[in-house]
Amino acid sequence: MLDQAFIAVLNHLLAAAPWARERLAPHAGLTARLRLEAFELRFGVGTDGLATPAAADAPADVVLGVPLGELPNFALGRFEDAMRRVHLEGNAEFADALGFVFRNLRWDAEEDLARVFGDVAAHRLGETVRAAGVAQRRLVESASGNLAEYLTEERALLVSASAGRTFAEDARALRDALARLEKRIERIERAQPRPAR
């Protein structure tokens, strides 16, 4: 059932992207397995480049391993970020085509909303959603910056980059000074006459 829902959504996106169907059509008859740690989705490719149901026992020509932590990136539309961490294995050409399509396929929400609410309302809803997305990204960036500052400055659990660089430079200087001191001690020991026995 989850496979069918995924295929329906994927085909909806592919229907609006002729370039993506053209990229997938040469791989008609091949099967892909999308592995999301806890579950798997299977789909095939039809001659028209659309996704088709795949038999549960059909061997996968390509396996896409998606880390569960990347789902928020997919949900937020950051496909390129998410696809960098997806592990592809199997038929190289098919994997390349799927990777390209998934990296570049975008949902035109305004177009779908316009069919239901009209163009003006869809455009305003789209602007609101985009503004909410920007606000959410800013919130995440701000929160991560604040957390990093708290851990480095307030709690001193982490070392700041500048403090780390300063420590490394000081350690190198100390190592060099110690090496020079050892050389001096060796020269002094060699220069002193040895006591006769």
N, C-alpha and C. Protein backbone atom coordinates (compact mmCIF):
# COMPACT_ATOMS: atom_id res chain seq x y z
N MET A 1 0.82 -1.19 0.00
CA MET A 1 0.00 0.00 0.00
C MET A 1 0.87 1.26 0.00
N LEU A 2 1.95 1.23 0.79
CA LEU A 2 2.86 2.37 0.83
C LEU A 2 3.54 2.54 -0.53
N ASP A 3 3.86 1.40 -1.18
CA ASP A 3 4.44 1.46 -2.53
C ASP A 3 3.51 2.20 -3.48
N GLN A 4 2.22 1.87 -3.41
CA GLN A 4 1.25 2.49 -4.32
C GLN A 4 1.14 3.99 -4.08
N ALA A 5 1.15 4.40 -2.83
CA ALA A 5 1.08 5.84 -2.51
C ALA A 5 2.33 6.55 -3.04
N PHE A 6 3.49 5.93 -2.82
CA PHE A 6 4.74 6.52 -3.31
C PHE A 6 4.73 6.64 -4.83
N ILE A 7 4.27 5.59 -5.51
CA ILE A 7 4.21 5.59 -6.97
C ILE A 7 3.25 6.67 -7.46
N ALA A 8 2.11 6.82 -6.79
CA ALA A 8 1.14 7.85 -7.19
C ALA A 8 1.74 9.25 -7.07
N VAL A 9 2.43 9.52 -5.96
CA VAL A 9 3.06 10.83 -5.77
C VAL A 9 4.17 11.04 -6.80
N LEU A 10 5.01 10.02 -6.98
CA LEU A 10 6.11 10.12 -7.95
C LEU A 10 5.57 10.36 -9.36
N ASN A 11 4.52 9.63 -9.74
CA ASN A 11 3.95 9.81 -11.08
C ASN A 11 3.32 11.19 -11.24
N HIS A 12 2.75 11.72 -10.17
CA HIS A 12 2.19 13.08 -10.23
C HIS A 12 3.31 14.08 -10.55
N LEU A 13 4.45 13.91 -9.89
CA LEU A 13 5.58 14.80 -10.14
C LEU A 13 6.16 14.58 -11.54
N LEU A 14 6.27 13.30 -11.94
CA LEU A 14 6.82 12.99 -13.26
C LEU A 14 5.92 13.49 -14.39
N ALA A 15 4.61 13.48 -14.16
CA ALA A 15 3.66 13.93 -15.19
C ALA A 15 3.91 15.39 -15.56
N ALA A 16 4.37 16.17 -14.60
CA ALA A 16 4.62 17.59 -14.84
C ALA A 16 6.06 17.85 -15.30
N ALA A 17 6.85 16.80 -15.46
CA ALA A 17 8.27 16.97 -15.82
C ALA A 17 8.64 16.05 -16.98
N PRO A 18 8.36 16.46 -18.22
CA PRO A 18 8.68 15.61 -19.37
C PRO A 18 10.16 15.23 -19.45
N TRP A 19 11.03 16.14 -19.04
CA TRP A 19 12.47 15.85 -19.07
C TRP A 19 12.81 14.64 -18.19
N ALA A 20 12.12 14.51 -17.05
CA ALA A 20 12.38 13.40 -16.13
C ALA A 20 11.90 12.08 -16.72
N ARG A 21 10.72 12.11 -17.36
CA ARG A 21 10.21 10.89 -18.00
C ARG A 21 11.13 10.46 -19.13
N GLU A 22 11.62 11.43 -19.90
CA GLU A 22 12.56 11.11 -20.98
C GLU A 22 13.84 10.49 -20.43
N ARG A 23 14.27 10.96 -19.28
CA ARG A 23 15.50 10.43 -18.67
C ARG A 23 15.30 9.00 -18.16
N LEU A 24 14.08 8.69 -17.70
CA LEU A 24 13.81 7.36 -17.15
C LEU A 24 13.35 6.34 -18.20
N ALA A 25 12.71 6.80 -19.28
CA ALA A 25 12.12 5.89 -20.27
C ALA A 25 13.11 4.85 -20.82
N PRO A 26 14.38 5.18 -21.08
CA PRO A 26 15.30 4.16 -21.58
C PRO A 26 15.52 3.00 -20.60
N HIS A 27 15.10 3.18 -19.37
CA HIS A 27 15.29 2.15 -18.34
C HIS A 27 14.00 1.38 -18.06
N ALA A 28 13.09 1.41 -19.04
CA ALA A 28 11.81 0.71 -18.89
C ALA A 28 12.07 -0.76 -18.60
N GLY A 29 11.29 -1.29 -17.67
CA GLY A 29 11.40 -2.70 -17.29
C GLY A 29 12.34 -2.94 -16.12
N LEU A 30 13.12 -1.94 -15.73
CA LEU A 30 14.02 -2.10 -14.60
C LEU A 30 13.27 -1.77 -13.30
N THR A 31 13.78 -2.31 -12.21
CA THR A 31 13.14 -2.16 -10.91
C THR A 31 14.10 -1.48 -9.94
N ALA A 32 13.55 -0.60 -9.12
CA ALA A 32 14.34 0.08 -8.08
C ALA A 32 13.75 -0.22 -6.72
N ARG A 33 14.63 -0.25 -5.73
CA ARG A 33 14.19 -0.44 -4.34
C ARG A 33 14.71 0.76 -3.55
N LEU A 34 13.81 1.47 -2.92
CA LEU A 34 14.15 2.61 -2.08
C LEU A 34 14.13 2.11 -0.64
N ARG A 35 15.30 2.04 -0.02
CA ARG A 35 15.42 1.48 1.33
C ARG A 35 15.58 2.62 2.33
N LEU A 36 14.60 2.74 3.22
CA LEU A 36 14.59 3.75 4.28
C LEU A 36 14.70 3.02 5.61
N GLU A 37 15.88 2.69 6.03
CA GLU A 37 16.19 1.96 7.25
C GLU A 37 15.08 1.01 7.72
N ALA A 38 13.92 1.52 8.09
CA ALA A 38 12.88 0.68 8.67
C ALA A 38 12.00 -0.02 7.64
N PHE A 39 11.90 0.51 6.43
CA PHE A 39 11.03 -0.11 5.43
C PHE A 39 11.58 0.13 4.03
N GLU A 40 10.97 -0.55 3.06
CA GLU A 40 11.41 -0.45 1.67
C GLU A 40 10.23 -0.16 0.75
N LEU A 41 10.52 0.57 -0.31
CA LEU A 41 9.55 0.83 -1.36
C LEU A 41 10.12 0.29 -2.65
N ARG A 42 9.27 -0.36 -3.45
CA ARG A 42 9.72 -0.90 -4.75
C ARG A 42 8.90 -0.27 -5.85
N PHE A 43 9.57 0.03 -6.95
CA PHE A 43 8.86 0.53 -8.12
C PHE A 43 9.67 0.20 -9.37
N GLY A 44 8.96 0.14 -10.47
CA GLY A 44 9.60 -0.09 -11.75
C GLY A 44 9.46 1.15 -12.61
N VAL A 45 9.97 1.06 -13.83
CA VAL A 45 9.86 2.16 -14.78
C VAL A 45 9.16 1.63 -16.02
N GLY A 46 8.12 2.34 -16.44
CA GLY A 46 7.38 1.96 -17.65
C GLY A 46 8.00 2.58 -18.89
N THR A 47 7.52 2.17 -20.05
CA THR A 47 8.05 2.69 -21.32
C THR A 47 7.81 4.19 -21.47
N ASP A 48 6.83 4.71 -20.77
CA ASP A 48 6.54 6.15 -20.83
C ASP A 48 7.35 6.96 -19.82
N GLY A 49 8.20 6.28 -19.04
CA GLY A 49 9.03 6.96 -18.05
C GLY A 49 8.36 7.16 -16.71
N LEU A 50 7.11 6.70 -16.59
CA LEU A 50 6.40 6.79 -15.31
C LEU A 50 6.73 5.59 -14.43
N ALA A 51 6.52 5.74 -13.14
CA ALA A 51 6.76 4.65 -12.20
C ALA A 51 5.64 3.63 -12.29
N THR A 52 6.00 2.37 -12.15
CA THR A 52 5.03 1.27 -12.19
C THR A 52 5.21 0.42 -10.94
N PRO A 53 4.16 -0.29 -10.53
CA PRO A 53 4.31 -1.19 -9.39
C PRO A 53 5.31 -2.30 -9.71
N ALA A 54 6.05 -2.75 -8.71
CA ALA A 54 7.01 -3.84 -8.88
C ALA A 54 6.62 -4.96 -7.94
N ALA A 55 6.81 -6.18 -8.41
CA ALA A 55 6.52 -7.35 -7.58
C ALA A 55 7.44 -7.36 -6.37
N ALA A 56 6.91 -7.79 -5.24
CA ALA A 56 7.69 -7.81 -4.00
C ALA A 56 8.92 -8.71 -4.10
N ASP A 57 8.83 -9.76 -4.93
CA ASP A 57 9.96 -10.68 -5.05
C ASP A 57 10.85 -10.36 -6.25
N ALA A 58 10.54 -9.29 -6.98
CA ALA A 58 11.36 -8.92 -8.14
C ALA A 58 12.72 -8.41 -7.67
N PRO A 59 13.79 -8.91 -8.28
CA PRO A 59 15.12 -8.41 -7.88
C PRO A 59 15.27 -6.94 -8.31
N ALA A 60 15.89 -6.17 -7.46
CA ALA A 60 16.07 -4.75 -7.75
C ALA A 60 17.31 -4.55 -8.60
N ASP A 61 17.17 -3.76 -9.67
CA ASP A 61 18.32 -3.41 -10.50
C ASP A 61 19.14 -2.31 -9.84
N VAL A 62 18.48 -1.51 -9.02
CA VAL A 62 19.14 -0.43 -8.27
C VAL A 62 18.54 -0.38 -6.88
N VAL A 63 19.41 -0.18 -5.90
CA VAL A 63 18.97 0.02 -4.52
C VAL A 63 19.43 1.41 -4.08
N LEU A 64 18.48 2.22 -3.62
CA LEU A 64 18.79 3.55 -3.10
C LEU A 64 18.64 3.49 -1.59
N GLY A 65 19.73 3.59 -0.86
CA GLY A 65 19.70 3.57 0.59
C GLY A 65 19.62 4.99 1.13
N VAL A 66 18.49 5.33 1.74
CA VAL A 66 18.27 6.69 2.24
C VAL A 66 18.38 6.69 3.76
N PRO A 67 19.35 7.41 4.33
CA PRO A 67 19.42 7.51 5.79
C PRO A 67 18.16 8.19 6.33
N LEU A 68 17.62 7.66 7.40
CA LEU A 68 16.39 8.19 7.98
C LEU A 68 16.52 9.68 8.31
N GLY A 69 17.71 10.10 8.70
CA GLY A 69 17.94 11.49 9.04
C GLY A 69 17.81 12.45 7.87
N GLU A 70 17.76 11.92 6.65
CA GLU A 70 17.63 12.78 5.46
C GLU A 70 16.17 13.06 5.10
N LEU A 71 15.24 12.37 5.73
CA LEU A 71 13.83 12.60 5.41
C LEU A 71 13.40 14.05 5.60
N PRO A 72 13.86 14.75 6.66
CA PRO A 72 13.48 16.16 6.77
C PRO A 72 13.99 16.99 5.58
N ASN A 73 15.18 16.68 5.08
CA ASN A 73 15.68 17.40 3.90
C ASN A 73 14.77 17.17 2.70
N PHE A 74 14.32 15.93 2.51
CA PHE A 74 13.39 15.65 1.42
C PHE A 74 12.09 16.42 1.64
N ALA A 75 11.59 16.39 2.88
CA ALA A 75 10.32 17.05 3.17
C ALA A 75 10.40 18.56 2.99
N LEU A 76 11.57 19.14 3.27
CA LEU A 76 11.75 20.59 3.13
C LEU A 76 12.16 20.99 1.71
N GLY A 77 12.25 19.99 0.82
CA GLY A 77 12.59 20.30 -0.56
C GLY A 77 14.08 20.49 -0.81
N ARG A 78 14.90 20.10 0.15
CA ARG A 78 16.36 20.21 -0.04
C ARG A 78 16.88 18.89 -0.60
N PHE A 79 16.45 18.60 -1.82
CA PHE A 79 16.74 17.31 -2.44
C PHE A 79 18.24 17.12 -2.68
N GLU A 80 18.91 18.18 -3.12
CA GLU A 80 20.34 18.04 -3.41
C GLU A 80 21.11 17.68 -2.15
N ASP A 81 20.80 18.33 -1.02
CA ASP A 81 21.46 18.00 0.24
C ASP A 81 21.19 16.55 0.62
N ALA A 82 19.95 16.14 0.51
CA ALA A 82 19.57 14.78 0.89
C ALA A 82 20.21 13.75 -0.03
N MET A 83 20.22 14.02 -1.34
CA MET A 83 20.74 13.04 -2.30
C MET A 83 22.24 12.85 -2.17
N ARG A 84 22.94 13.80 -1.57
CA ARG A 84 24.38 13.62 -1.37
C ARG A 84 24.67 12.47 -0.41
N ARG A 85 23.74 12.17 0.46
CA ARG A 85 23.94 11.13 1.47
C ARG A 85 23.24 9.82 1.13
N VAL A 86 22.59 9.78 -0.02
CA VAL A 86 21.90 8.56 -0.45
C VAL A 86 22.93 7.62 -1.06
N HIS A 87 22.88 6.36 -0.66
CA HIS A 87 23.80 5.35 -1.17
C HIS A 87 23.13 4.62 -2.33
N LEU A 88 23.76 4.67 -3.51
CA LEU A 88 23.23 4.01 -4.70
C LEU A 88 24.07 2.79 -5.02
N GLU A 89 23.41 1.68 -5.34
CA GLU A 89 24.15 0.49 -5.77
C GLU A 89 23.34 -0.24 -6.83
N GLY A 90 24.05 -0.88 -7.74
CA GLY A 90 23.39 -1.62 -8.81
C GLY A 90 23.75 -1.06 -10.16
N ASN A 91 22.84 -1.19 -11.11
CA ASN A 91 23.02 -0.74 -12.49
C ASN A 91 23.41 0.74 -12.50
N ALA A 92 24.63 1.03 -12.96
CA ALA A 92 25.17 2.39 -12.86
C ALA A 92 24.36 3.41 -13.67
N GLU A 93 23.96 3.05 -14.88
CA GLU A 93 23.22 4.01 -15.71
C GLU A 93 21.84 4.30 -15.13
N PHE A 94 21.17 3.26 -14.65
CA PHE A 94 19.85 3.43 -14.04
C PHE A 94 19.98 4.24 -12.75
N ALA A 95 21.00 3.93 -11.95
CA ALA A 95 21.23 4.67 -10.70
C ALA A 95 21.50 6.14 -10.99
N ASP A 96 22.29 6.41 -12.03
CA ASP A 96 22.59 7.80 -12.41
C ASP A 96 21.31 8.52 -12.83
N ALA A 97 20.49 7.85 -13.63
CA ALA A 97 19.23 8.47 -14.09
C ALA A 97 18.31 8.76 -12.91
N LEU A 98 18.15 7.79 -12.01
CA LEU A 98 17.29 8.00 -10.84
C LEU A 98 17.84 9.11 -9.95
N GLY A 99 19.15 9.09 -9.72
CA GLY A 99 19.77 10.13 -8.89
C GLY A 99 19.54 11.51 -9.48
N PHE A 100 19.72 11.64 -10.80
CA PHE A 100 19.51 12.93 -11.46
C PHE A 100 18.06 13.39 -11.32
N VAL A 101 17.14 12.46 -11.58
CA VAL A 101 15.72 12.81 -11.50
C VAL A 101 15.34 13.21 -10.07
N PHE A 102 15.75 12.43 -9.07
CA PHE A 102 15.39 12.76 -7.69
C PHE A 102 16.04 14.05 -7.22
N ARG A 103 17.25 14.35 -7.71
CA ARG A 103 17.90 15.61 -7.32
C ARG A 103 17.20 16.83 -7.90
N ASN A 104 16.63 16.68 -9.08
CA ASN A 104 16.11 17.84 -9.81
C ASN A 104 14.59 17.92 -9.90
N LEU A 105 13.89 16.87 -9.51
CA LEU A 105 12.44 16.86 -9.58
C LEU A 105 11.85 17.76 -8.49
N ARG A 106 10.97 18.65 -8.86
CA ARG A 106 10.36 19.57 -7.90
C ARG A 106 8.84 19.55 -8.04
N TRP A 107 8.18 19.74 -6.92
CA TRP A 107 6.72 19.81 -6.92
C TRP A 107 6.31 21.25 -7.10
N ASP A 108 5.48 21.52 -8.08
CA ASP A 108 4.93 22.86 -8.29
C ASP A 108 3.60 22.92 -7.55
N ALA A 109 3.69 23.22 -6.27
CA ALA A 109 2.51 23.22 -5.41
C ALA A 109 1.49 24.25 -5.86
N GLU A 110 1.97 25.39 -6.32
CA GLU A 110 1.04 26.44 -6.75
C GLU A 110 0.15 25.97 -7.90
N GLU A 111 0.72 25.22 -8.81
CA GLU A 111 -0.07 24.73 -9.94
C GLU A 111 -1.18 23.80 -9.46
N ASP A 112 -0.84 22.91 -8.53
CA ASP A 112 -1.86 22.00 -7.99
C ASP A 112 -2.91 22.76 -7.18
N LEU A 113 -2.47 23.72 -6.39
CA LEU A 113 -3.42 24.51 -5.59
C LEU A 113 -4.32 25.36 -6.47
N ALA A 114 -3.79 25.83 -7.61
CA ALA A 114 -4.59 26.67 -8.51
C ALA A 114 -5.79 25.91 -9.06
N ARG A 115 -5.65 24.62 -9.25
CA ARG A 115 -6.78 23.81 -9.75
C ARG A 115 -7.93 23.78 -8.75
N VAL A 116 -7.59 23.87 -7.47
CA VAL A 116 -8.60 23.79 -6.42
C VAL A 116 -9.10 25.17 -5.99
N PHE A 117 -8.16 26.10 -5.76
CA PHE A 117 -8.50 27.39 -5.18
C PHE A 117 -8.48 28.56 -6.15
N GLY A 118 -7.95 28.37 -7.34
CA GLY A 118 -7.79 29.47 -8.28
C GLY A 118 -6.38 30.02 -8.23
N ASP A 119 -6.02 30.77 -9.27
CA ASP A 119 -4.64 31.25 -9.41
C ASP A 119 -4.21 32.20 -8.30
N VAL A 120 -5.04 33.18 -7.97
CA VAL A 120 -4.65 34.20 -6.99
C VAL A 120 -4.46 33.57 -5.61
N ALA A 121 -5.42 32.78 -5.17
CA ALA A 121 -5.32 32.14 -3.86
C ALA A 121 -4.12 31.19 -3.82
N ALA A 122 -3.91 30.45 -4.91
CA ALA A 122 -2.78 29.52 -4.97
C ALA A 122 -1.46 30.27 -4.87
N HIS A 123 -1.37 31.40 -5.55
CA HIS A 123 -0.14 32.19 -5.50
C HIS A 123 0.11 32.70 -4.08
N ARG A 124 -0.94 33.19 -3.43
CA ARG A 124 -0.78 33.69 -2.06
C ARG A 124 -0.43 32.57 -1.09
N LEU A 125 -1.06 31.41 -1.25
CA LEU A 125 -0.71 30.26 -0.41
C LEU A 125 0.74 29.85 -0.65
N GLY A 126 1.15 29.87 -1.91
CA GLY A 126 2.54 29.54 -2.24
C GLY A 126 3.52 30.49 -1.58
N GLU A 127 3.21 31.79 -1.63
CA GLU A 127 4.07 32.77 -0.97
C GLU A 127 4.14 32.53 0.53
N THR A 128 3.01 32.21 1.12
CA THR A 128 2.96 31.94 2.56
C THR A 128 3.81 30.72 2.92
N VAL A 129 3.67 29.66 2.13
CA VAL A 129 4.45 28.44 2.38
C VAL A 129 5.94 28.72 2.22
N ARG A 130 6.31 29.46 1.16
CA ARG A 130 7.73 29.78 0.96
C ARG A 130 8.26 30.63 2.12
N ALA A 131 7.48 31.60 2.57
CA ALA A 131 7.90 32.44 3.69
C ALA A 131 8.05 31.60 4.96
N ALA A 132 7.13 30.66 5.16
CA ALA A 132 7.24 29.77 6.33
C ALA A 132 8.49 28.91 6.22
N GLY A 133 8.81 28.45 5.03
CA GLY A 133 10.02 27.65 4.82
C GLY A 133 11.28 28.44 5.12
N VAL A 134 11.30 29.69 4.67
CA VAL A 134 12.45 30.56 4.95
C VAL A 134 12.56 30.80 6.45
N ALA A 135 11.43 31.07 7.09
CA ALA A 135 11.44 31.30 8.54
C ALA A 135 11.91 30.05 9.28
N GLN A 136 11.48 28.89 8.83
CA GLN A 136 11.89 27.64 9.47
C GLN A 136 13.39 27.43 9.31
N ARG A 137 13.92 27.67 8.12
CA ARG A 137 15.37 27.52 7.90
C ARG A 137 16.14 28.49 8.78
N ARG A 138 15.67 29.73 8.87
CA ARG A 138 16.34 30.71 9.73
C ARG A 138 16.31 30.28 11.19
N LEU A 139 15.17 29.74 11.61
CA LEU A 139 15.03 29.27 12.98
C LEU A 139 16.04 28.16 13.27
N VAL A 140 16.15 27.20 12.36
CA VAL A 140 17.09 26.08 12.55
C VAL A 140 18.52 26.61 12.58
N GLU A 141 18.86 27.50 11.64
CA GLU A 141 20.21 28.06 11.60
C GLU A 141 20.51 28.85 12.87
N SER A 142 19.56 29.64 13.31
CA SER A 142 19.74 30.44 14.52
C SER A 142 19.89 29.54 15.75
N ALA A 143 19.03 28.53 15.84
CA ALA A 143 19.10 27.61 16.98
C ALA A 143 20.42 26.87 17.00
N SER A 144 20.89 26.42 15.84
CA SER A 144 22.16 25.69 15.82
C SER A 144 23.32 26.63 16.17
N GLY A 145 23.25 27.88 15.69
CA GLY A 145 24.28 28.86 16.05
C GLY A 145 24.28 29.15 17.54
N ASN A 146 23.08 29.32 18.11
CA ASN A 146 22.97 29.58 19.55
C ASN A 146 23.47 28.40 20.37
N LEU A 147 23.14 27.19 19.94
CA LEU A 147 23.61 26.00 20.65
C LEU A 147 25.13 25.91 20.60
N ALA A 148 25.70 26.15 19.44
CA ALA A 148 27.16 26.11 19.32
C ALA A 148 27.81 27.16 20.22
N GLU A 149 27.23 28.37 20.24
CA GLU A 149 27.77 29.43 21.09
C GLU A 149 27.65 29.05 22.56
N TYR A 150 26.52 28.49 22.95
CA TYR A 150 26.31 28.07 24.34
C TYR A 150 27.34 27.02 24.75
N LEU A 151 27.55 26.03 23.87
CA LEU A 151 28.47 24.95 24.20
C LEU A 151 29.93 25.40 24.21
N THR A 152 30.27 26.41 23.41
CA THR A 152 31.66 26.88 23.39
C THR A 152 31.92 27.98 24.41
N GLU A 153 30.99 28.91 24.55
CA GLU A 153 31.23 30.08 25.40
C GLU A 153 30.72 29.90 26.83
N GLU A 154 29.47 29.47 26.96
CA GLU A 154 28.85 29.40 28.29
C GLU A 154 29.29 28.16 29.08
N ARG A 155 29.19 27.00 28.46
CA ARG A 155 29.48 25.75 29.16
C ARG A 155 30.92 25.28 28.96
N ALA A 156 31.59 25.82 27.99
CA ALA A 156 32.97 25.43 27.66
C ALA A 156 33.10 23.92 27.43
N LEU A 157 32.09 23.34 26.80
CA LEU A 157 32.15 21.92 26.46
C LEU A 157 32.83 21.69 25.12
N LEU A 158 32.80 22.71 24.28
CA LEU A 158 33.45 22.65 22.97
C LEU A 158 34.48 23.76 22.89
N VAL A 159 35.45 23.56 22.04
CA VAL A 159 36.47 24.58 21.81
C VAL A 159 36.11 25.32 20.54
N SER A 160 36.20 26.64 20.58
CA SER A 160 35.91 27.42 19.37
C SER A 160 37.01 27.18 18.35
N ALA A 161 36.71 27.46 17.10
CA ALA A 161 37.69 27.24 16.03
C ALA A 161 38.93 28.09 16.25
N SER A 162 38.75 29.35 16.66
CA SER A 162 39.92 30.22 16.87
C SER A 162 40.76 29.73 18.05
N ALA A 163 40.11 29.29 19.12
CA ALA A 163 40.85 28.77 20.27
C ALA A 163 41.59 27.49 19.90
N GLY A 164 40.96 26.65 19.08
CA GLY A 164 41.61 25.43 18.62
C GLY A 164 42.84 25.73 17.78
N ARG A 165 42.72 26.73 16.88
CA ARG A 165 43.87 27.12 16.05
C ARG A 165 45.00 27.69 16.91
N THR A 166 44.63 28.53 17.88
CA THR A 166 45.64 29.12 18.77
C THR A 166 46.36 28.03 19.55
N PHE A 167 45.60 27.07 20.08
CA PHE A 167 46.21 25.97 20.83
C PHE A 167 47.16 25.18 19.94
N ALA A 168 46.74 24.87 18.71
CA ALA A 168 47.59 24.11 17.79
C ALA A 168 48.87 24.87 17.47
N GLU A 169 48.76 26.19 17.24
CA GLU A 169 49.95 27.01 16.97
C GLU A 169 50.88 27.03 18.18
N ASP A 170 50.31 27.18 19.38
CA ASP A 170 51.13 27.17 20.60
C ASP A 170 51.81 25.83 20.79
N ALA A 171 51.10 24.74 20.52
CA ALA A 171 51.68 23.40 20.67
C ALA A 171 52.83 23.22 19.67
N ARG A 172 52.67 23.70 18.43
CA ARG A 172 53.76 23.61 17.44
C ARG A 172 54.96 24.43 17.89
N ALA A 173 54.71 25.64 18.39
CA ALA A 173 55.80 26.50 18.85
C ALA A 173 56.54 25.84 20.02
N LEU A 174 55.80 25.25 20.95
CA LEU A 174 56.41 24.56 22.09
C LEU A 174 57.23 23.36 21.62
N ARG A 175 56.69 22.60 20.67
CA ARG A 175 57.41 21.44 20.13
C ARG A 175 58.72 21.89 19.48
N ASP A 176 58.67 22.98 18.69
CA ASP A 176 59.87 23.49 18.03
C ASP A 176 60.89 23.99 19.05
N ALA A 177 60.41 24.70 20.08
CA ALA A 177 61.32 25.20 21.12
C ALA A 177 61.97 24.03 21.87
N LEU A 178 61.21 22.99 22.14
CA LEU A 178 61.75 21.81 22.82
C LEU A 178 62.80 21.13 21.95
N ALA A 179 62.56 21.04 20.66
CA ALA A 179 63.53 20.42 19.75
C ALA A 179 64.82 21.24 19.73
N ARG A 180 64.70 22.58 19.70
CA ARG A 180 65.90 23.43 19.73
C ARG A 180 66.67 23.25 21.04
N LEU A 181 65.94 23.16 22.16
CA LEU A 181 66.57 22.96 23.47
C LEU A 181 67.32 21.63 23.51
N GLU A 182 66.71 20.57 22.98
CA GLU A 182 67.38 19.26 22.95
C GLU A 182 68.66 19.33 22.13
N LYS A 183 68.65 20.03 21.01
CA LYS A 183 69.85 20.18 20.17
C LYS A 183 70.94 20.92 20.95
N ARG A 184 70.57 21.99 21.66
CA ARG A 184 71.54 22.74 22.45
C ARG A 184 72.18 21.86 23.51
N ILE A 185 71.34 21.09 24.20
CA ILE A 185 71.86 20.20 25.25
C ILE A 185 72.83 19.20 24.64
N GLU A 186 72.51 18.64 23.48
CA GLU A 186 73.42 17.70 22.82
C GLU A 186 74.75 18.37 22.48
N ARG A 187 74.71 19.62 21.96
CA ARG A 187 75.96 20.33 21.60
C ARG A 187 76.80 20.59 22.85
N ILE A 188 76.14 20.98 23.93
CA ILE A 188 76.88 21.26 25.17
C ILE A 188 77.51 19.98 25.69
N GLU A 189 76.76 18.86 25.66
CA GLU A 189 77.30 17.59 26.15
C GLU A 189 78.48 17.14 25.30
N ARG A 190 78.42 17.36 23.99
CA ARG A 190 79.53 16.95 23.11
C ARG A 190 80.75 17.84 23.34
N ALA A 191 80.52 19.11 23.65
CA ALA A 191 81.63 20.06 23.82
C ALA A 191 82.35 19.86 25.15
N GLN A 192 81.73 19.32 26.15
CA GLN A 192 82.37 19.14 27.45
C GLN A 192 83.30 17.93 27.41
N PRO A 193 84.48 18.09 28.02
CA PRO A 193 85.42 16.94 28.05
C PRO A 193 84.87 15.85 28.96
N ARG A 194 85.11 14.65 28.58
CA ARG A 194 84.66 13.50 29.37
C ARG A 194 85.66 13.24 30.49
N PRO A 195 85.19 12.94 31.68
CA PRO A 195 86.12 12.65 32.79
C PRO A 195 86.87 11.33 32.52
N ALA A 196 88.14 11.32 32.88
CA ALA A 196 88.97 10.11 32.68
C ALA A 196 88.64 9.10 33.75
N ARG A 197 88.70 7.85 33.39
CA ARG A 197 88.38 6.79 34.36
C ARG A 197 89.58 6.04 34.73
